[in-house]
Amino acid sequence: MDSTIDSSVSKLPMKEIPGDYGLPFFGAIKDRYDFHYNQGNDEFFRSRMKKHGSTVFRSNVPPGPFNAPNSKVIVLVDAASYPILFDNSQVDKDSRFEGTYMSSPTFNGGYKVCAFLDTTNPKHSTLKGLFLSTLARLKDKVIPLFTSSISGVFTNLEKELSEKGTSEFNPLSDKLSFEFTFEFFCGGKSPTDTSLGDNGSKSVDKWVFFQLAPLISLGLKFVPNFLEDLVLHTFPLPYCLVKSDHQKIYNAFYKNMGSILDEAEKLGLKRDEACYNFVFLAGFNSYGGMKVFFPSLIKWIGSAGPSLHSRLAKEIRAAVKEAGGVTISALEKMTLVKSVVYETLRMDPPVAYQCAKARKNIIISNHDASFLIKKDELIFGYQPLAMKDPRVFKNPEEFNADRFVGASEALLKYVYWSNGRETVDPTMTDKQCPGKDLIVLLGRLLVVEFFLRYDTFEIEFAKFLLGSKVTFKSVTKATS
């Protein structure tokens, strides 16, 4: 008989996990329609939380048949129970990077890349160790490379505002994100000087979309829901439709990432396997994360209005002046900038879900009760609600720029966007995002560069795929 591991901090009353999965097959289809069309992501989880009076409950989650072999999960939507997903001694994350399904290895050269490997797989520590050592070796390039790359964003933003009266931020952000990421890993080589030309970000978008399609709704009013559901959510989209794009991406990285691939060979990895893993890290993890994160950051800052803009500009310009430029020491003094970045990651985590399988019987606890999760049951965390836990955060649904300033910085242990606590650094033996600190640093740099150039700006935004679409209506150039 399997032993039961008690992960609870305090002894709370044991309760049965509420909820059910409905009729076989049809229950999963119904829940998928609720998720994509009848309720939407947030309401899907909120309504079930309210119905069951619990932040731990049973439900089907997308994509269900026929993409996922099992859609039956135990959902966690509070800050107390959620960290069980980070305890790799108790949960298995093999093939769980995208949730309850895994896209075909053909999207990655036939390899099961690091993101899909459990920590017990020896290759996981080899690959993740390589990622971490590479990021550490290249860290000094981040600030000069990003500040150089972002100048084109401002030029095009102002040009479009002058010519059209508005400027869509997402295409500018995507171009910036991909060019930075490619140059960062490829020794400063611009992707426009490779076979990718100016289409690098669009090629990556297609490749990522085909893998994440089971979790995406396009929101096209002229396409009937049943038709979209049949095409995007029911069967895996074939790799052959993006093969040429993916091959171009791979070739460009392979030709320009020589020193990193040399290092991989010293660790016993094949060059092509290492390259496919770095393409996934750069394209899916890094660029894909920035594609959601940067527009969200501008959305929340823009929506907060001139008062916050003034405070940010004052803090940024004073720190940069004192340091004689944009440096790590200057960034560390910008407490409001740091807080704004963390608050954006709390409100809009780039990856909304985490999924794992229980290695043994586990007892978990939320704020009110303890629950038994049996061996091999799937555990599914929905971050956007877990990081809006009202028992942890005051007015959790509101964007609060000062939330993590001063003593409140202690709340960062409840910020889980990186598949781990913000107060913990990733290691080669865990599943936390290896680029966690890089993404946070880039977010700070984006804010800094904006307010070195502008006093304030106006935007409008709307939901777009897995993130937000942001449009600039005006910018006011810096006056001091």
Protein backbone atom coordinates (compact mmCIF):
# COMPACT_ATOMS: atom_id res chain seq x y z
CA MET A 1 0.00 0.00 0.00
CA ASP A 2 1.28 3.48 -0.88
CA SER A 3 2.33 5.72 1.94
CA THR A 4 0.55 9.03 2.35
CA ILE A 5 2.61 12.22 2.50
CA ASP A 6 1.22 15.07 4.57
CA SER A 7 2.12 18.40 2.93
CA SER A 8 -0.06 20.51 5.22
CA VAL A 9 1.54 23.12 7.45
CA SER A 10 -1.18 23.04 10.09
CA LYS A 11 -3.65 20.37 11.10
CA LEU A 12 -6.97 21.31 9.55
CA PRO A 13 -10.15 19.21 9.30
CA MET A 14 -10.07 16.59 6.54
CA LYS A 15 -12.67 17.03 3.81
CA GLU A 16 -13.60 15.20 0.65
CA ILE A 17 -12.60 17.07 -2.49
CA PRO A 18 -15.87 18.44 -3.92
CA GLY A 19 -16.85 18.39 -7.59
CA ASP A 20 -17.29 15.79 -10.29
CA TYR A 21 -16.43 15.12 -13.92
CA GLY A 22 -19.91 14.64 -15.37
CA LEU A 23 -20.70 11.97 -17.92
CA PRO A 24 -17.75 10.17 -19.52
CA PHE A 25 -16.56 12.01 -22.65
CA PHE A 26 -19.53 14.40 -22.73
CA GLY A 27 -18.65 15.97 -19.38
CA ALA A 28 -15.22 16.90 -20.71
CA ILE A 29 -16.74 18.36 -23.89
CA LYS A 30 -19.26 20.40 -21.88
CA ASP A 31 -16.52 21.77 -19.62
CA ARG A 32 -14.40 22.64 -22.67
CA TYR A 33 -17.27 24.65 -24.14
CA ASP A 34 -17.79 26.40 -20.80
CA PHE A 35 -14.08 27.27 -20.68
CA HIS A 36 -13.80 28.65 -24.20
CA TYR A 37 -17.29 29.92 -25.08
CA ASN A 38 -19.89 29.95 -22.31
CA GLN A 39 -17.87 31.35 -19.42
CA GLY A 40 -14.28 32.14 -20.35
CA ASN A 41 -11.12 31.15 -18.48
CA ASP A 42 -11.53 33.09 -15.24
CA GLU A 43 -15.25 32.56 -14.81
CA PHE A 44 -14.86 28.85 -15.55
CA PHE A 45 -12.77 28.44 -12.40
CA ARG A 46 -14.49 31.12 -10.31
CA SER A 47 -17.95 29.66 -10.86
CA ARG A 48 -16.85 26.18 -9.81
CA MET A 49 -15.02 27.57 -6.78
CA LYS A 50 -18.22 29.34 -5.71
CA LYS A 51 -20.45 26.37 -6.52
CA HIS A 52 -18.40 24.00 -4.37
CA GLY A 53 -17.48 26.55 -1.69
CA SER A 54 -13.89 25.42 -1.98
CA THR A 55 -10.64 26.52 -3.60
CA VAL A 56 -9.80 22.83 -4.12
CA PHE A 57 -12.25 20.95 -6.35
CA ARG A 58 -12.61 18.35 -9.08
CA SER A 59 -13.27 19.35 -12.69
CA ASN A 60 -12.41 18.56 -16.26
CA VAL A 61 -10.06 21.05 -17.89
CA PRO A 62 -9.30 21.67 -21.56
CA PRO A 63 -8.44 20.40 -24.03
CA GLY A 64 -10.08 17.05 -23.27
CA PRO A 65 -10.90 14.61 -26.09
CA PHE A 66 -9.00 13.85 -28.22
CA ASN A 67 -5.93 15.95 -27.45
CA ALA A 68 -5.57 14.91 -23.81
CA PRO A 69 -5.77 11.29 -22.63
CA ASN A 70 -7.16 12.45 -19.28
CA SER A 71 -8.99 15.72 -18.56
CA LYS A 72 -9.98 14.84 -14.98
CA VAL A 73 -8.04 16.98 -12.49
CA ILE A 74 -8.06 18.38 -8.98
CA VAL A 75 -8.00 22.17 -9.37
CA LEU A 76 -6.11 24.47 -6.96
CA VAL A 77 -6.97 28.18 -6.97
CA ASP A 78 -5.61 29.49 -3.65
CA ALA A 79 -2.15 30.54 -2.48
CA ALA A 80 -1.94 27.97 0.34
CA SER A 81 -2.50 24.74 -1.60
CA TYR A 82 -0.82 25.84 -4.84
CA PRO A 83 2.85 25.26 -3.84
CA ILE A 84 2.34 21.48 -3.82
CA LEU A 85 2.90 21.85 -7.57
CA PHE A 86 6.48 22.97 -6.88
CA ASP A 87 7.38 20.00 -4.65
CA ASN A 88 9.00 17.59 -7.07
CA SER A 89 9.43 14.94 -4.39
CA GLN A 90 5.64 14.64 -4.35
CA VAL A 91 4.54 15.45 -7.90
CA ASP A 92 5.63 14.20 -11.33
CA LYS A 93 5.71 16.70 -14.20
CA ASP A 94 6.63 14.37 -17.02
CA SER A 95 4.87 15.59 -20.20
CA ARG A 96 2.88 18.19 -18.20
CA PHE A 97 4.39 21.48 -19.39
CA GLU A 98 1.30 22.47 -21.42
CA GLY A 99 -1.22 21.05 -18.95
CA THR A 100 -3.09 17.77 -19.41
CA TYR A 101 -1.77 17.26 -22.95
CA MET A 102 1.60 17.33 -24.67
CA SER A 103 2.18 18.56 -28.22
CA SER A 104 3.98 16.16 -30.54
CA PRO A 105 7.79 15.89 -30.23
CA THR A 106 7.89 16.49 -34.00
CA PHE A 107 7.55 20.19 -33.14
CA ASN A 108 10.99 19.86 -31.53
CA GLY A 109 12.96 17.71 -33.96
CA GLY A 110 11.53 14.50 -32.53
CA TYR A 111 12.99 15.24 -29.09
CA LYS A 112 11.18 15.53 -25.78
CA VAL A 113 12.69 18.85 -24.73
CA CYS A 114 13.59 19.83 -21.16
CA ALA A 115 10.29 21.54 -20.38
CA PHE A 116 8.47 18.21 -20.76
CA LEU A 117 10.96 16.12 -18.74
CA ASP A 118 10.37 15.24 -15.11
CA THR A 119 13.13 16.10 -12.64
CA THR A 120 13.87 12.38 -12.17
CA ASN A 121 15.06 12.14 -15.79
CA PRO A 122 18.89 12.51 -15.79
CA LYS A 123 18.75 14.52 -19.01
CA HIS A 124 16.62 17.17 -17.26
CA SER A 125 19.42 18.26 -14.92
CA THR A 126 21.96 18.22 -17.77
CA LEU A 127 19.83 20.43 -20.00
CA LYS A 128 18.62 22.78 -17.31
CA GLY A 129 22.14 23.09 -15.92
CA LEU A 130 23.25 24.13 -19.41
CA PHE A 131 20.45 26.70 -19.60
CA LEU A 132 21.35 28.20 -16.23
CA SER A 133 25.09 28.35 -16.91
CA THR A 134 24.46 29.94 -20.32
CA LEU A 135 22.16 32.60 -18.85
CA ALA A 136 24.70 33.32 -16.09
CA ARG A 137 27.53 33.66 -18.62
CA LEU A 138 25.54 36.06 -20.82
CA LYS A 139 23.99 38.20 -18.07
CA ASP A 140 26.25 41.21 -18.65
CA LYS A 141 24.95 41.51 -22.22
CA VAL A 142 21.33 42.02 -21.19
CA ILE A 143 21.28 45.76 -20.46
CA PRO A 144 23.33 47.01 -23.44
CA LEU A 145 21.59 44.65 -25.86
CA PHE A 146 18.07 45.51 -24.69
CA THR A 147 18.63 49.27 -24.56
CA SER A 148 20.02 49.11 -28.08
CA SER A 149 17.15 46.95 -29.35
CA ILE A 150 14.34 49.07 -27.89
CA SER A 151 15.31 52.29 -29.72
CA GLY A 152 13.56 50.99 -32.84
CA VAL A 153 10.34 50.52 -30.87
CA PHE A 154 10.23 54.21 -29.97
CA THR A 155 11.06 55.33 -33.50
CA ASN A 156 8.24 53.25 -35.00
CA LEU A 157 5.81 54.08 -32.20
CA GLU A 158 6.22 57.82 -32.72
CA LYS A 159 6.13 57.45 -36.51
CA GLU A 160 2.85 55.52 -36.41
CA LEU A 161 1.30 57.97 -33.94
CA SER A 162 2.29 60.85 -36.20
CA GLU A 163 0.93 59.21 -39.35
CA LYS A 164 -2.15 57.35 -38.07
CA GLY A 165 -2.94 58.80 -34.65
CA THR A 166 -2.59 55.39 -32.99
CA SER A 167 0.10 52.73 -32.75
CA GLU A 168 -0.38 49.02 -32.05
CA PHE A 169 2.17 47.99 -29.45
CA ASN A 170 2.04 44.21 -29.87
CA PRO A 171 3.80 43.97 -33.26
CA LEU A 172 6.50 46.38 -32.04
CA SER A 173 6.88 44.41 -28.81
CA ASP A 174 7.06 41.09 -30.65
CA LYS A 175 9.78 42.34 -32.97
CA LEU A 176 11.77 43.71 -30.03
CA SER A 177 11.36 40.51 -28.02
CA PHE A 178 12.42 38.17 -30.80
CA GLU A 179 15.35 40.28 -31.97
CA PHE A 180 16.63 40.61 -28.40
CA THR A 181 16.23 36.89 -27.71
CA PHE A 182 17.95 35.81 -30.93
CA GLU A 183 20.86 38.21 -30.53
CA PHE A 184 21.22 37.26 -26.86
CA PHE A 185 21.73 33.56 -27.62
CA CYS A 186 23.43 34.01 -31.00
CA GLY A 187 26.41 36.22 -30.17
CA GLY A 188 24.83 39.51 -31.20
CA LYS A 189 23.82 38.32 -34.67
CA SER A 190 20.63 40.02 -35.86
CA PRO A 191 17.91 37.64 -37.08
CA THR A 192 17.31 39.99 -40.02
CA ASP A 193 20.78 39.03 -41.27
CA THR A 194 19.81 35.35 -41.41
CA SER A 195 17.37 33.40 -43.57
CA LEU A 196 14.61 34.53 -41.15
CA GLY A 197 14.80 38.11 -42.41
CA ASP A 198 12.12 40.30 -40.83
CA ASN A 199 9.73 37.38 -40.32
CA GLY A 200 11.38 35.73 -37.31
CA SER A 201 8.71 36.62 -34.76
CA LYS A 202 5.89 35.62 -37.13
CA SER A 203 7.51 32.25 -37.78
CA VAL A 204 7.83 31.62 -34.04
CA ASP A 205 4.22 32.76 -33.52
CA LYS A 206 2.96 30.12 -35.95
CA TRP A 207 5.12 27.38 -34.43
CA VAL A 208 3.97 28.22 -30.87
CA PHE A 209 0.32 28.65 -31.91
CA PHE A 210 0.17 25.16 -33.39
CA GLN A 211 1.33 23.74 -30.06
CA LEU A 212 -0.94 25.85 -27.85
CA ALA A 213 -4.03 25.81 -30.10
CA PRO A 214 -5.90 23.37 -27.80
CA LEU A 215 -5.92 26.11 -25.12
CA ILE A 216 -6.71 29.08 -27.39
CA SER A 217 -9.95 30.62 -28.59
CA LEU A 218 -9.61 33.12 -31.43
CA GLY A 219 -12.81 34.99 -30.56
CA LEU A 220 -13.79 35.38 -34.22
CA LYS A 221 -17.48 36.27 -34.37
CA PHE A 222 -17.89 35.00 -37.93
CA VAL A 223 -16.60 31.50 -37.07
CA PRO A 224 -19.19 29.25 -35.32
CA ASN A 225 -18.00 27.94 -31.96
CA PHE A 226 -18.44 24.30 -32.94
CA LEU A 227 -16.26 24.77 -36.00
CA GLU A 228 -13.44 26.47 -34.09
CA ASP A 229 -13.70 23.82 -31.37
CA LEU A 230 -13.46 21.03 -33.92
CA VAL A 231 -10.42 22.53 -35.65
CA LEU A 232 -8.42 23.89 -32.69
CA HIS A 233 -9.38 21.82 -29.66
CA THR A 234 -10.37 18.34 -30.78
CA PHE A 235 -7.34 16.97 -32.63
CA PRO A 236 -3.67 17.97 -32.65
CA LEU A 237 -2.76 20.39 -35.43
CA PRO A 238 -0.22 18.80 -37.79
CA TYR A 239 3.42 19.85 -37.61
CA CYS A 240 3.78 19.69 -41.40
CA LEU A 241 1.94 23.03 -41.72
CA VAL A 242 4.68 24.84 -39.78
CA LYS A 243 7.62 22.62 -40.65
CA SER A 244 9.23 25.10 -43.05
CA ASP A 245 8.94 27.96 -40.53
CA HIS A 246 10.34 25.84 -37.73
CA GLN A 247 13.20 24.59 -39.87
CA LYS A 248 14.18 28.18 -40.71
CA ILE A 249 14.19 29.07 -37.00
CA TYR A 250 16.25 25.99 -36.14
CA ASN A 251 18.76 26.60 -38.94
CA ALA A 252 19.26 30.23 -37.92
CA PHE A 253 19.95 29.28 -34.30
CA TYR A 254 22.14 26.31 -35.24
CA LYS A 255 24.40 28.40 -37.47
CA ASN A 256 24.84 31.20 -34.92
CA MET A 257 24.90 29.47 -31.54
CA GLY A 258 28.22 27.66 -31.98
CA SER A 259 29.85 28.27 -28.59
CA ILE A 260 26.72 27.19 -26.69
CA LEU A 261 26.44 24.01 -28.77
CA ASP A 262 30.13 23.34 -28.17
CA GLU A 263 29.44 23.51 -24.45
CA ALA A 264 26.48 21.13 -24.88
CA GLU A 265 28.69 18.57 -26.62
CA LYS A 266 31.14 18.66 -23.69
CA LEU A 267 28.19 17.62 -21.48
CA GLY A 268 27.47 14.63 -23.72
CA LEU A 269 24.53 16.15 -25.59
CA LYS A 270 24.06 15.93 -29.34
CA ARG A 271 24.35 19.31 -31.07
CA ASP A 272 20.95 19.02 -32.74
CA GLU A 273 19.21 17.99 -29.50
CA ALA A 274 20.82 20.91 -27.65
CA CYS A 275 19.79 23.30 -30.43
CA TYR A 276 16.17 22.12 -30.45
CA ASN A 277 16.12 22.64 -26.68
CA PHE A 278 17.50 26.17 -27.01
CA VAL A 279 15.03 26.98 -29.79
CA PHE A 280 12.27 25.94 -27.37
CA LEU A 281 13.82 27.94 -24.52
CA ALA A 282 14.32 31.02 -26.71
CA GLY A 283 11.18 30.81 -28.82
CA PHE A 284 8.52 29.19 -26.64
CA ASN A 285 9.67 30.12 -23.13
CA SER A 286 11.48 33.45 -23.50
CA TYR A 287 9.90 35.09 -26.55
CA GLY A 288 6.54 33.47 -25.83
CA GLY A 289 6.63 34.82 -22.27
CA MET A 290 7.60 38.34 -23.36
CA LYS A 291 4.86 38.29 -26.00
CA VAL A 292 2.31 38.16 -23.17
CA PHE A 293 4.23 40.00 -20.45
CA PHE A 294 5.34 43.21 -22.20
CA PRO A 295 1.86 44.24 -23.43
CA SER A 296 0.43 43.42 -19.98
CA LEU A 297 3.05 45.63 -18.34
CA ILE A 298 2.20 48.57 -20.60
CA LYS A 299 -1.52 47.87 -20.17
CA TRP A 300 -1.44 48.10 -16.37
CA ILE A 301 0.91 51.09 -16.23
CA GLY A 302 -1.01 52.91 -18.94
CA SER A 303 -4.33 52.25 -17.21
CA ALA A 304 -3.00 53.59 -13.90
CA GLY A 305 -2.65 57.06 -15.41
CA PRO A 306 -0.43 60.16 -15.05
CA SER A 307 -0.01 60.01 -11.26
CA LEU A 308 1.84 56.68 -11.39
CA HIS A 309 3.69 57.78 -14.54
CA SER A 310 5.02 60.84 -12.73
CA ARG A 311 6.23 58.78 -9.77
CA LEU A 312 7.91 56.23 -12.03
CA ALA A 313 9.62 58.90 -14.12
CA LYS A 314 10.91 60.66 -11.00
CA GLU A 315 12.29 57.46 -9.46
CA ILE A 316 13.85 56.22 -12.70
CA ARG A 317 15.51 59.47 -13.75
CA ALA A 318 16.95 60.13 -10.29
CA ALA A 319 18.46 56.63 -10.04
CA VAL A 320 19.88 56.73 -13.58
CA LYS A 321 21.36 60.19 -13.02
CA GLU A 322 23.01 59.12 -9.78
CA ALA A 323 24.46 55.94 -11.35
CA GLY A 324 25.53 57.71 -14.54
CA GLY A 325 23.44 55.39 -16.72
CA VAL A 326 21.14 52.37 -16.69
CA THR A 327 22.98 49.85 -14.51
CA ILE A 328 22.07 46.97 -12.24
CA SER A 329 22.82 49.13 -9.19
CA ALA A 330 20.48 51.84 -10.53
CA LEU A 331 17.72 49.28 -11.19
CA GLU A 332 18.03 47.90 -7.66
CA LYS A 333 17.23 51.34 -6.23
CA MET A 334 13.96 51.58 -8.21
CA THR A 335 11.61 50.03 -5.66
CA LEU A 336 8.45 51.25 -7.39
CA VAL A 337 9.59 49.89 -10.77
CA LYS A 338 10.30 46.51 -9.18
CA SER A 339 6.89 46.47 -7.51
CA VAL A 340 5.08 47.37 -10.76
CA VAL A 341 6.81 44.51 -12.59
CA TYR A 342 5.96 41.99 -9.88
CA GLU A 343 2.37 43.23 -9.69
CA THR A 344 1.97 42.76 -13.44
CA LEU A 345 3.26 39.19 -13.15
CA ARG A 346 0.79 38.63 -10.30
CA MET A 347 -2.15 40.02 -12.24
CA ASP A 348 -1.30 38.48 -15.63
CA PRO A 349 1.10 35.54 -15.32
CA PRO A 350 2.48 34.68 -18.79
CA VAL A 351 1.63 31.01 -18.17
CA ALA A 352 -1.72 30.59 -16.45
CA TYR A 353 -1.60 26.88 -15.63
CA GLN A 354 0.59 24.30 -13.97
CA CYS A 355 -0.14 20.60 -14.01
CA ALA A 356 1.40 17.57 -12.27
CA LYS A 357 0.63 13.99 -11.27
CA ALA A 358 0.75 12.85 -7.65
CA ARG A 359 3.66 10.43 -7.07
CA LYS A 360 1.99 9.06 -3.90
CA ASN A 361 -1.06 9.74 -1.81
CA ILE A 362 -0.71 13.36 -0.64
CA ILE A 363 -2.56 15.41 1.93
CA ILE A 364 -2.74 19.07 0.90
CA SER A 365 -4.29 22.04 2.68
CA ASN A 366 -5.91 25.28 1.64
CA HIS A 367 -6.75 27.94 4.25
CA ASP A 368 -9.71 26.02 5.68
CA ALA A 369 -9.30 22.27 5.30
CA SER A 370 -7.07 19.38 4.28
CA PHE A 371 -7.72 17.05 1.36
CA LEU A 372 -6.42 13.68 0.22
CA ILE A 373 -5.07 13.47 -3.32
CA LYS A 374 -4.50 9.88 -4.37
CA LYS A 375 -1.50 8.55 -6.23
CA ASP A 376 -1.61 9.21 -10.01
CA GLU A 377 -4.38 11.82 -9.76
CA LEU A 378 -3.71 14.96 -11.79
CA ILE A 379 -3.32 18.28 -9.97
CA PHE A 380 -4.03 21.46 -11.93
CA GLY A 381 -3.23 24.95 -10.68
CA TYR A 382 -4.81 28.08 -12.11
CA GLN A 383 -2.39 30.90 -11.29
CA PRO A 384 -4.52 33.98 -12.04
CA LEU A 385 -6.82 33.04 -9.14
CA ALA A 386 -4.17 31.58 -6.84
CA MET A 387 -2.31 34.91 -6.99
CA LYS A 388 -5.50 36.83 -6.31
CA ASP A 389 -6.16 35.00 -3.06
CA PRO A 390 -8.04 37.46 -0.79
CA ARG A 391 -6.63 35.70 2.29
CA VAL A 392 -3.15 36.80 1.20
CA PHE A 393 -3.57 39.97 -0.87
CA LYS A 394 -5.66 43.01 0.04
CA ASN A 395 -8.00 44.03 -2.80
CA PRO A 396 -6.50 41.25 -4.92
CA GLU A 397 -8.43 42.06 -8.10
CA GLU A 398 -6.97 45.58 -8.26
CA PHE A 399 -3.63 46.56 -9.76
CA ASN A 400 -1.67 48.15 -6.91
CA ALA A 401 1.65 49.60 -8.07
CA ASP A 402 2.95 49.78 -4.48
CA ARG A 403 1.92 46.25 -3.48
CA PHE A 404 5.49 44.96 -3.11
CA VAL A 405 7.21 48.10 -1.79
CA GLY A 406 8.99 48.05 1.57
CA ALA A 407 7.84 45.49 4.15
CA SER A 408 5.20 44.26 1.69
CA GLU A 409 8.02 42.77 -0.38
CA ALA A 410 7.55 39.74 1.89
CA LEU A 411 4.43 38.94 -0.14
CA LEU A 412 6.64 37.97 -3.09
CA LYS A 413 6.70 34.42 -1.74
CA TYR A 414 3.10 34.19 -3.00
CA VAL A 415 4.00 35.24 -6.54
CA TYR A 416 4.15 32.00 -8.50
CA TRP A 417 4.35 33.02 -12.17
CA SER A 418 7.71 31.25 -12.73
CA ASN A 419 6.46 27.82 -11.60
CA GLY A 420 8.01 28.53 -8.22
CA ARG A 421 8.06 31.21 -5.55
CA GLU A 422 9.50 34.57 -6.60
CA THR A 423 11.75 34.42 -3.54
CA VAL A 424 13.40 31.18 -4.76
CA ASP A 425 16.02 30.84 -7.49
CA PRO A 426 15.71 28.11 -10.14
CA THR A 427 18.06 25.13 -9.94
CA MET A 428 18.90 22.26 -12.26
CA THR A 429 16.81 19.90 -10.10
CA ASP A 430 13.50 21.80 -10.19
CA LYS A 431 10.95 22.87 -12.80
CA GLN A 432 11.11 26.61 -12.11
CA CYS A 433 11.58 28.78 -15.21
CA PRO A 434 15.34 29.08 -15.86
CA GLY A 435 14.83 32.57 -17.31
CA LYS A 436 12.88 33.84 -14.25
CA ASP A 437 15.37 36.58 -13.33
CA LEU A 438 15.94 37.52 -16.98
CA ILE A 439 12.22 38.14 -17.58
CA VAL A 440 11.95 40.29 -14.44
CA LEU A 441 15.04 42.28 -15.46
CA LEU A 442 13.69 42.84 -18.98
CA GLY A 443 10.38 44.04 -17.54
CA ARG A 444 12.22 46.60 -15.40
CA LEU A 445 14.29 47.73 -18.39
CA LEU A 446 11.16 48.18 -20.51
CA VAL A 447 9.65 50.47 -17.86
CA VAL A 448 12.92 52.36 -17.38
CA GLU A 449 13.45 53.00 -21.08
CA PHE A 450 9.85 54.17 -21.53
CA PHE A 451 10.05 56.72 -18.74
CA LEU A 452 13.48 57.98 -19.69
CA ARG A 453 11.86 58.95 -22.99
CA TYR A 454 8.26 59.82 -22.04
CA ASP A 455 6.50 61.62 -19.19
CA THR A 456 3.17 59.92 -19.77
CA PHE A 457 1.17 58.04 -22.37
CA GLU A 458 -2.40 56.98 -23.14
CA ILE A 459 -3.43 53.51 -24.25
CA GLU A 460 -6.46 51.35 -24.87
CA PHE A 461 -6.48 47.57 -24.59
CA ALA A 462 -8.50 44.45 -25.26
CA LYS A 463 -8.16 40.71 -24.66
CA PHE A 464 -6.08 39.00 -27.34
CA LEU A 465 -5.49 35.23 -27.48
CA LEU A 466 -3.57 34.38 -24.28
CA GLY A 467 -2.80 38.01 -23.39
CA SER A 468 -3.74 41.62 -24.17
CA LYS A 469 -3.73 43.78 -27.27
CA VAL A 470 -2.46 47.29 -26.48
CA THR A 471 -2.84 50.37 -28.67
CA PHE A 472 -1.09 53.67 -27.95
CA LYS A 473 -3.23 56.78 -28.42
CA SER A 474 -0.61 59.35 -27.41
CA VAL A 475 2.81 59.82 -25.81
CA THR A 476 4.22 62.90 -24.11
CA LYS A 477 7.97 63.23 -24.46
CA ALA A 478 10.08 63.75 -21.35
CA THR A 479 10.38 67.34 -20.22
CA SER A 480 13.03 66.84 -17.54
